[in-house]
Amino acid sequence: MKKTAITAGCIVVAMSLGGCAQTGMFVAGNMTNVELSEPNYKIVAIGVSGEAKASYLLGVAFSKGQETGAVALARIGGTGQLYKEAMEHLWQDFEESNGPVVGRRLALTNIRYDSDSHNLLVYSDITLSIRADVIEFTD
């Protein structure tokens, strides 16, 4: 009986010390000043989007606007790098209909973030979506 109690205690301690936590908020600050009142650009894509998702076991996920986070025992899906993955998927979405990005003078404008989280007993997940319009400078 004593051996079982010690084993159970060790498991509880290991579970409370192990696990994963993920939080993030994308706040962009840009020192570049771009003047869009001149006709030196054209809109090349409207509403391109990217999405990323992470799933967790035995935890809690939350999202509020741009801020997302999770505290859980284990991540069972995704890498947890939601903003990076969503932005990569956004550019992949752009390239599918507009060709390669490399060598072009492109900028994102009208960027919108949306996040969603679900908590279902032992499973939780976070989804982050980014939508933007893409402009290309001609001069």
N, C-alpha and C. Protein backbone atom coordinates (compact mmCIF):
# COMPACT_ATOMS: atom_id res chain seq x y z
N MET A 1 0.82 -1.19 0.00
CA MET A 1 0.00 0.00 0.00
C MET A 1 0.87 1.25 0.00
N LYS A 2 1.93 1.23 0.83
CA LYS A 2 2.81 2.39 0.93
C LYS A 2 3.53 2.64 -0.41
N LYS A 3 3.90 1.54 -1.10
CA LYS A 3 4.59 1.65 -2.38
C LYS A 3 3.67 2.28 -3.44
N THR A 4 2.40 1.92 -3.43
CA THR A 4 1.42 2.47 -4.37
C THR A 4 1.22 3.96 -4.13
N ALA A 5 1.16 4.37 -2.88
CA ALA A 5 0.98 5.79 -2.55
C ALA A 5 2.19 6.60 -2.99
N ILE A 6 3.38 6.07 -2.80
CA ILE A 6 4.60 6.78 -3.22
C ILE A 6 4.64 6.89 -4.74
N THR A 7 4.30 5.80 -5.44
CA THR A 7 4.27 5.82 -6.90
C THR A 7 3.25 6.84 -7.41
N ALA A 8 2.07 6.84 -6.83
CA ALA A 8 1.02 7.80 -7.23
C ALA A 8 1.49 9.22 -6.97
N GLY A 9 2.14 9.45 -5.84
CA GLY A 9 2.65 10.78 -5.52
C GLY A 9 3.70 11.24 -6.51
N CYS A 10 4.59 10.33 -6.91
CA CYS A 10 5.63 10.66 -7.90
C CYS A 10 5.00 11.00 -9.25
N ILE A 11 3.96 10.29 -9.63
CA ILE A 11 3.28 10.55 -10.90
C ILE A 11 2.63 11.94 -10.87
N VAL A 12 1.97 12.27 -9.78
CA VAL A 12 1.32 13.59 -9.65
C VAL A 12 2.36 14.70 -9.71
N VAL A 13 3.48 14.55 -9.03
CA VAL A 13 4.53 15.56 -9.05
C VAL A 13 5.11 15.70 -10.46
N ALA A 14 5.36 14.58 -11.13
CA ALA A 14 5.90 14.62 -12.49
C ALA A 14 4.94 15.30 -13.44
N MET A 15 3.65 15.02 -13.30
CA MET A 15 2.66 15.65 -14.18
C MET A 15 2.54 17.14 -13.92
N SER A 16 2.66 17.55 -12.68
CA SER A 16 2.53 18.98 -12.38
C SER A 16 3.76 19.76 -12.80
N LEU A 17 4.93 19.12 -12.81
CA LEU A 17 6.15 19.81 -13.22
C LEU A 17 6.36 19.74 -14.72
N GLY A 18 5.82 18.72 -15.37
CA GLY A 18 5.96 18.57 -16.81
C GLY A 18 4.82 19.27 -17.52
N GLY A 19 4.83 19.23 -18.81
CA GLY A 19 3.75 19.82 -19.58
C GLY A 19 4.26 20.94 -20.45
N CYS A 20 3.33 21.73 -20.94
CA CYS A 20 3.73 22.82 -21.82
C CYS A 20 2.81 24.00 -21.62
N ALA A 21 3.34 25.14 -21.95
CA ALA A 21 2.55 26.38 -21.92
C ALA A 21 2.91 27.16 -23.17
N GLN A 22 1.95 27.80 -23.75
CA GLN A 22 2.17 28.59 -24.95
C GLN A 22 1.34 29.84 -24.82
N THR A 23 1.95 30.98 -24.98
CA THR A 23 1.22 32.23 -25.06
C THR A 23 1.82 33.05 -26.17
N GLY A 24 1.05 33.91 -26.70
CA GLY A 24 1.59 34.75 -27.76
C GLY A 24 0.66 35.89 -28.09
N MET A 25 1.25 36.94 -28.55
CA MET A 25 0.49 38.09 -29.02
C MET A 25 1.34 38.76 -30.06
N PHE A 26 0.80 39.01 -31.21
CA PHE A 26 1.55 39.64 -32.27
C PHE A 26 1.27 41.13 -32.24
N VAL A 27 2.28 41.89 -31.90
CA VAL A 27 2.16 43.34 -31.90
C VAL A 27 3.27 43.86 -32.81
N ALA A 28 2.88 44.45 -33.90
CA ALA A 28 3.87 44.92 -34.87
C ALA A 28 4.10 46.41 -34.69
N GLY A 29 5.35 46.75 -34.67
CA GLY A 29 5.74 48.16 -34.68
C GLY A 29 6.61 48.35 -35.91
N ASN A 30 6.32 49.35 -36.68
CA ASN A 30 7.04 49.53 -37.92
C ASN A 30 7.60 50.94 -37.99
N MET A 31 8.89 51.05 -38.22
CA MET A 31 9.53 52.36 -38.33
C MET A 31 9.49 52.88 -39.76
N THR A 32 9.09 52.05 -40.71
CA THR A 32 9.03 52.47 -42.10
C THR A 32 7.77 53.29 -42.32
N ASN A 33 7.93 54.41 -43.00
CA ASN A 33 6.79 55.26 -43.31
C ASN A 33 6.51 55.13 -44.80
N VAL A 34 5.35 54.63 -45.14
CA VAL A 34 4.97 54.42 -46.53
C VAL A 34 3.82 55.35 -46.86
N GLU A 35 3.98 56.11 -47.93
CA GLU A 35 2.95 57.05 -48.36
C GLU A 35 2.11 56.37 -49.45
N LEU A 36 0.84 56.11 -49.13
CA LEU A 36 -0.03 55.44 -50.09
C LEU A 36 -0.97 56.41 -50.81
N SER A 37 -0.70 57.70 -50.71
CA SER A 37 -1.55 58.67 -51.40
C SER A 37 -1.10 58.88 -52.85
N GLU A 38 0.10 58.44 -53.18
CA GLU A 38 0.60 58.56 -54.55
C GLU A 38 0.22 57.30 -55.34
N PRO A 39 0.07 57.43 -56.65
CA PRO A 39 -0.27 56.25 -57.46
C PRO A 39 0.97 55.39 -57.79
N ASN A 40 1.75 55.02 -56.78
CA ASN A 40 2.97 54.24 -57.00
C ASN A 40 2.81 52.79 -56.57
N TYR A 41 1.59 52.32 -56.47
CA TYR A 41 1.34 50.94 -56.06
C TYR A 41 0.04 50.46 -56.70
N LYS A 42 -0.11 49.14 -56.69
CA LYS A 42 -1.38 48.57 -57.13
C LYS A 42 -1.75 47.45 -56.17
N ILE A 43 -3.03 47.26 -55.99
CA ILE A 43 -3.52 46.18 -55.14
C ILE A 43 -3.48 44.91 -55.97
N VAL A 44 -2.72 43.91 -55.51
CA VAL A 44 -2.58 42.67 -56.28
C VAL A 44 -3.39 41.51 -55.72
N ALA A 45 -3.81 41.61 -54.47
CA ALA A 45 -4.64 40.54 -53.89
C ALA A 45 -5.45 41.10 -52.73
N ILE A 46 -6.67 40.66 -52.64
CA ILE A 46 -7.55 41.07 -51.54
C ILE A 46 -7.96 39.82 -50.77
N GLY A 47 -7.85 39.89 -49.47
CA GLY A 47 -8.34 38.81 -48.61
C GLY A 47 -7.53 37.53 -48.64
N VAL A 48 -6.21 37.62 -48.83
CA VAL A 48 -5.41 36.39 -48.69
C VAL A 48 -5.40 36.01 -47.21
N SER A 49 -5.32 34.72 -46.94
CA SER A 49 -5.43 34.31 -45.54
C SER A 49 -4.51 33.15 -45.22
N GLY A 50 -4.22 33.04 -43.95
CA GLY A 50 -3.44 31.93 -43.43
C GLY A 50 -3.98 31.55 -42.07
N GLU A 51 -3.84 30.29 -41.74
CA GLU A 51 -4.39 29.80 -40.48
C GLU A 51 -3.42 28.80 -39.87
N ALA A 52 -3.37 28.76 -38.55
CA ALA A 52 -2.56 27.79 -37.83
C ALA A 52 -3.34 27.31 -36.62
N LYS A 53 -3.07 26.06 -36.23
CA LYS A 53 -3.80 25.47 -35.11
C LYS A 53 -2.85 24.65 -34.25
N ALA A 54 -3.08 24.68 -32.97
CA ALA A 54 -2.34 23.84 -32.01
C ALA A 54 -3.36 23.17 -31.11
N SER A 55 -3.11 21.89 -30.78
CA SER A 55 -4.03 21.11 -29.94
C SER A 55 -3.29 20.65 -28.69
N TYR A 56 -4.02 20.57 -27.59
CA TYR A 56 -3.42 20.24 -26.30
C TYR A 56 -4.26 19.20 -25.56
N LEU A 57 -3.59 18.45 -24.69
CA LEU A 57 -4.22 17.43 -23.88
C LEU A 57 -4.10 17.84 -22.42
N LEU A 58 -5.19 17.72 -21.68
CA LEU A 58 -5.24 18.06 -20.26
C LEU A 58 -4.75 19.47 -19.98
N GLY A 59 -5.48 20.42 -20.53
CA GLY A 59 -5.10 21.81 -20.32
C GLY A 59 -6.22 22.76 -20.61
N VAL A 60 -5.87 24.02 -20.66
CA VAL A 60 -6.81 25.09 -20.93
C VAL A 60 -6.22 25.99 -22.00
N ALA A 61 -7.02 26.34 -23.00
CA ALA A 61 -6.61 27.26 -24.05
C ALA A 61 -7.49 28.50 -23.97
N PHE A 62 -6.92 29.66 -24.32
CA PHE A 62 -7.70 30.88 -24.33
C PHE A 62 -7.30 31.75 -25.51
N SER A 63 -8.21 32.57 -25.95
CA SER A 63 -7.93 33.53 -27.01
C SER A 63 -8.78 34.76 -26.80
N LYS A 64 -8.18 35.89 -27.07
CA LYS A 64 -8.87 37.17 -26.96
C LYS A 64 -8.24 38.11 -27.96
N GLY A 65 -8.90 38.26 -29.10
CA GLY A 65 -8.35 39.12 -30.16
C GLY A 65 -7.04 38.56 -30.66
N GLN A 66 -5.97 39.36 -30.57
CA GLN A 66 -4.66 38.92 -31.03
C GLN A 66 -3.96 38.04 -30.03
N GLU A 67 -4.39 38.04 -28.79
CA GLU A 67 -3.72 37.29 -27.75
C GLU A 67 -4.26 35.86 -27.68
N THR A 68 -3.35 34.90 -27.67
CA THR A 68 -3.73 33.50 -27.55
C THR A 68 -2.82 32.83 -26.54
N GLY A 69 -3.27 31.74 -25.96
CA GLY A 69 -2.43 31.04 -25.02
C GLY A 69 -3.01 29.71 -24.61
N ALA A 70 -2.15 28.87 -24.03
CA ALA A 70 -2.57 27.57 -23.54
C ALA A 70 -1.62 27.12 -22.45
N VAL A 71 -2.18 26.45 -21.47
CA VAL A 71 -1.40 25.78 -20.43
C VAL A 71 -1.92 24.36 -20.39
N ALA A 72 -1.03 23.40 -20.65
CA ALA A 72 -1.49 22.01 -20.78
C ALA A 72 -0.38 21.04 -20.41
N LEU A 73 -0.78 19.81 -20.23
CA LEU A 73 0.17 18.75 -19.93
C LEU A 73 1.00 18.41 -21.17
N ALA A 74 0.36 18.36 -22.34
CA ALA A 74 1.07 17.98 -23.56
C ALA A 74 0.43 18.61 -24.79
N ARG A 75 1.27 19.03 -25.75
CA ARG A 75 0.77 19.48 -27.04
C ARG A 75 0.69 18.24 -27.93
N ILE A 76 -0.46 18.02 -28.55
CA ILE A 76 -0.64 16.83 -29.37
C ILE A 76 -0.81 17.16 -30.85
N GLY A 77 -0.84 18.45 -31.20
CA GLY A 77 -0.95 18.85 -32.59
C GLY A 77 -0.42 20.25 -32.80
N GLY A 78 0.20 20.49 -33.94
CA GLY A 78 0.76 21.79 -34.24
C GLY A 78 2.09 22.00 -33.53
N THR A 79 2.75 23.11 -33.88
CA THR A 79 4.05 23.40 -33.27
C THR A 79 3.94 24.41 -32.15
N GLY A 80 2.82 25.10 -32.06
CA GLY A 80 2.67 26.14 -31.06
C GLY A 80 3.14 27.50 -31.57
N GLN A 81 3.72 27.57 -32.76
CA GLN A 81 4.17 28.83 -33.34
C GLN A 81 3.08 29.35 -34.27
N LEU A 82 1.98 29.76 -33.67
CA LEU A 82 0.78 30.07 -34.44
C LEU A 82 0.96 31.24 -35.41
N TYR A 83 1.57 32.33 -34.96
CA TYR A 83 1.72 33.50 -35.83
C TYR A 83 2.64 33.21 -36.99
N LYS A 84 3.74 32.53 -36.73
CA LYS A 84 4.69 32.17 -37.78
C LYS A 84 4.02 31.28 -38.82
N GLU A 85 3.34 30.24 -38.38
CA GLU A 85 2.69 29.32 -39.30
C GLU A 85 1.56 29.99 -40.08
N ALA A 86 0.77 30.81 -39.40
CA ALA A 86 -0.34 31.48 -40.09
C ALA A 86 0.19 32.44 -41.17
N MET A 87 1.29 33.15 -40.87
CA MET A 87 1.85 34.07 -41.86
C MET A 87 2.46 33.29 -43.03
N GLU A 88 3.10 32.16 -42.77
CA GLU A 88 3.62 31.32 -43.86
C GLU A 88 2.48 30.82 -44.74
N HIS A 89 1.37 30.41 -44.14
CA HIS A 89 0.23 29.94 -44.92
C HIS A 89 -0.41 31.08 -45.71
N LEU A 90 -0.39 32.29 -45.16
CA LEU A 90 -0.91 33.45 -45.88
C LEU A 90 -0.11 33.68 -47.16
N TRP A 91 1.22 33.64 -47.06
CA TRP A 91 2.04 33.86 -48.26
C TRP A 91 1.91 32.69 -49.24
N GLN A 92 1.71 31.47 -48.75
CA GLN A 92 1.46 30.34 -49.64
C GLN A 92 0.15 30.54 -50.40
N ASP A 93 -0.87 31.04 -49.70
CA ASP A 93 -2.16 31.33 -50.33
C ASP A 93 -1.98 32.39 -51.42
N PHE A 94 -1.18 33.40 -51.14
CA PHE A 94 -0.91 34.45 -52.13
C PHE A 94 -0.21 33.87 -53.35
N GLU A 95 0.82 33.05 -53.12
CA GLU A 95 1.62 32.51 -54.23
C GLU A 95 0.81 31.57 -55.13
N GLU A 96 -0.19 30.89 -54.58
CA GLU A 96 -1.00 29.97 -55.39
C GLU A 96 -1.70 30.68 -56.53
N SER A 97 -2.13 31.92 -56.33
CA SER A 97 -2.84 32.62 -57.40
C SER A 97 -2.09 33.80 -57.99
N ASN A 98 -0.98 34.20 -57.37
CA ASN A 98 -0.30 35.41 -57.84
C ASN A 98 1.18 35.21 -58.14
N GLY A 99 1.67 34.01 -58.10
CA GLY A 99 3.07 33.76 -58.42
C GLY A 99 3.99 33.99 -57.23
N PRO A 100 5.29 33.79 -57.46
CA PRO A 100 6.26 33.87 -56.36
C PRO A 100 6.38 35.27 -55.76
N VAL A 101 6.76 35.28 -54.51
CA VAL A 101 6.93 36.52 -53.75
C VAL A 101 8.34 37.09 -53.95
N VAL A 102 9.32 36.23 -54.11
CA VAL A 102 10.72 36.63 -54.18
C VAL A 102 10.95 37.59 -55.35
N GLY A 103 11.66 38.68 -55.07
CA GLY A 103 11.99 39.66 -56.09
C GLY A 103 10.92 40.72 -56.32
N ARG A 104 9.83 40.66 -55.60
CA ARG A 104 8.76 41.64 -55.76
C ARG A 104 8.72 42.55 -54.55
N ARG A 105 8.26 43.77 -54.76
CA ARG A 105 8.14 44.74 -53.66
C ARG A 105 6.69 44.74 -53.17
N LEU A 106 6.44 43.85 -52.22
CA LEU A 106 5.09 43.63 -51.72
C LEU A 106 4.96 44.11 -50.29
N ALA A 107 3.75 44.45 -49.92
CA ALA A 107 3.46 44.83 -48.53
C ALA A 107 2.05 44.36 -48.20
N LEU A 108 1.87 44.01 -46.93
CA LEU A 108 0.54 43.65 -46.45
C LEU A 108 -0.14 44.89 -45.90
N THR A 109 -1.41 45.00 -46.16
CA THR A 109 -2.20 46.10 -45.63
C THR A 109 -3.55 45.57 -45.17
N ASN A 110 -4.24 46.31 -44.35
CA ASN A 110 -5.53 45.90 -43.81
C ASN A 110 -5.45 44.53 -43.15
N ILE A 111 -4.45 44.32 -42.32
CA ILE A 111 -4.23 43.03 -41.67
C ILE A 111 -5.26 42.85 -40.56
N ARG A 112 -5.91 41.68 -40.57
CA ARG A 112 -6.90 41.34 -39.55
C ARG A 112 -6.54 40.01 -38.90
N TYR A 113 -6.61 39.96 -37.58
CA TYR A 113 -6.33 38.74 -36.82
C TYR A 113 -7.61 38.24 -36.19
N ASP A 114 -7.76 36.94 -36.13
CA ASP A 114 -8.88 36.34 -35.43
C ASP A 114 -8.38 35.08 -34.76
N SER A 115 -8.76 34.88 -33.53
CA SER A 115 -8.35 33.66 -32.84
C SER A 115 -9.56 33.02 -32.19
N ASP A 116 -9.47 31.72 -32.02
CA ASP A 116 -10.57 30.95 -31.45
C ASP A 116 -9.97 29.83 -30.61
N SER A 117 -10.61 29.52 -29.51
CA SER A 117 -10.14 28.42 -28.67
C SER A 117 -11.32 27.57 -28.24
N HIS A 118 -11.05 26.29 -28.05
CA HIS A 118 -12.04 25.33 -27.59
C HIS A 118 -11.46 24.55 -26.41
N ASN A 119 -12.26 24.34 -25.40
CA ASN A 119 -11.87 23.55 -24.25
C ASN A 119 -12.95 22.48 -24.03
N LEU A 120 -12.59 21.23 -24.27
CA LEU A 120 -13.53 20.12 -24.15
C LEU A 120 -12.96 19.06 -23.22
N LEU A 121 -13.32 19.09 -21.97
CA LEU A 121 -12.86 18.13 -20.96
C LEU A 121 -11.34 18.00 -20.95
N VAL A 122 -10.79 17.01 -21.65
CA VAL A 122 -9.35 16.79 -21.61
C VAL A 122 -8.63 17.34 -22.85
N TYR A 123 -9.37 17.84 -23.82
CA TYR A 123 -8.81 18.33 -25.09
C TYR A 123 -9.06 19.83 -25.22
N SER A 124 -8.06 20.56 -25.68
CA SER A 124 -8.25 21.98 -25.99
C SER A 124 -7.45 22.32 -27.23
N ASP A 125 -7.88 23.35 -27.95
CA ASP A 125 -7.13 23.79 -29.12
C ASP A 125 -7.28 25.29 -29.31
N ILE A 126 -6.35 25.83 -30.08
CA ILE A 126 -6.34 27.25 -30.44
C ILE A 126 -6.17 27.33 -31.95
N THR A 127 -6.94 28.20 -32.59
CA THR A 127 -6.79 28.46 -34.02
C THR A 127 -6.58 29.95 -34.20
N LEU A 128 -5.57 30.31 -34.98
CA LEU A 128 -5.29 31.70 -35.29
C LEU A 128 -5.41 31.90 -36.80
N SER A 129 -6.17 32.91 -37.22
CA SER A 129 -6.34 33.22 -38.63
C SER A 129 -5.85 34.64 -38.89
N ILE A 130 -5.16 34.83 -40.01
CA ILE A 130 -4.70 36.15 -40.44
C ILE A 130 -5.22 36.38 -41.84
N ARG A 131 -5.84 37.54 -42.09
CA ARG A 131 -6.30 37.94 -43.42
C ARG A 131 -5.68 39.29 -43.72
N ALA A 132 -5.33 39.50 -44.98
CA ALA A 132 -4.73 40.77 -45.38
C ALA A 132 -4.93 41.01 -46.85
N ASP A 133 -4.73 42.24 -47.25
CA ASP A 133 -4.67 42.61 -48.65
C ASP A 133 -3.19 42.82 -48.98
N VAL A 134 -2.82 42.57 -50.23
CA VAL A 134 -1.42 42.70 -50.64
C VAL A 134 -1.31 43.77 -51.69
N ILE A 135 -0.37 44.69 -51.49
CA ILE A 135 -0.10 45.71 -52.50
C ILE A 135 1.31 45.50 -53.06
N GLU A 136 1.51 45.92 -54.29
CA GLU A 136 2.83 45.85 -54.92
C GLU A 136 3.20 47.25 -55.39
N PHE A 137 4.40 47.67 -55.01
CA PHE A 137 4.87 49.00 -55.37
C PHE A 137 5.41 48.96 -56.79
N THR A 138 5.02 49.97 -57.58
CA THR A 138 5.40 50.03 -58.99
C THR A 138 6.58 50.96 -59.21
N ASP A 139 6.81 51.91 -58.34
CA ASP A 139 7.94 52.86 -58.46
C ASP A 139 8.92 52.68 -57.35
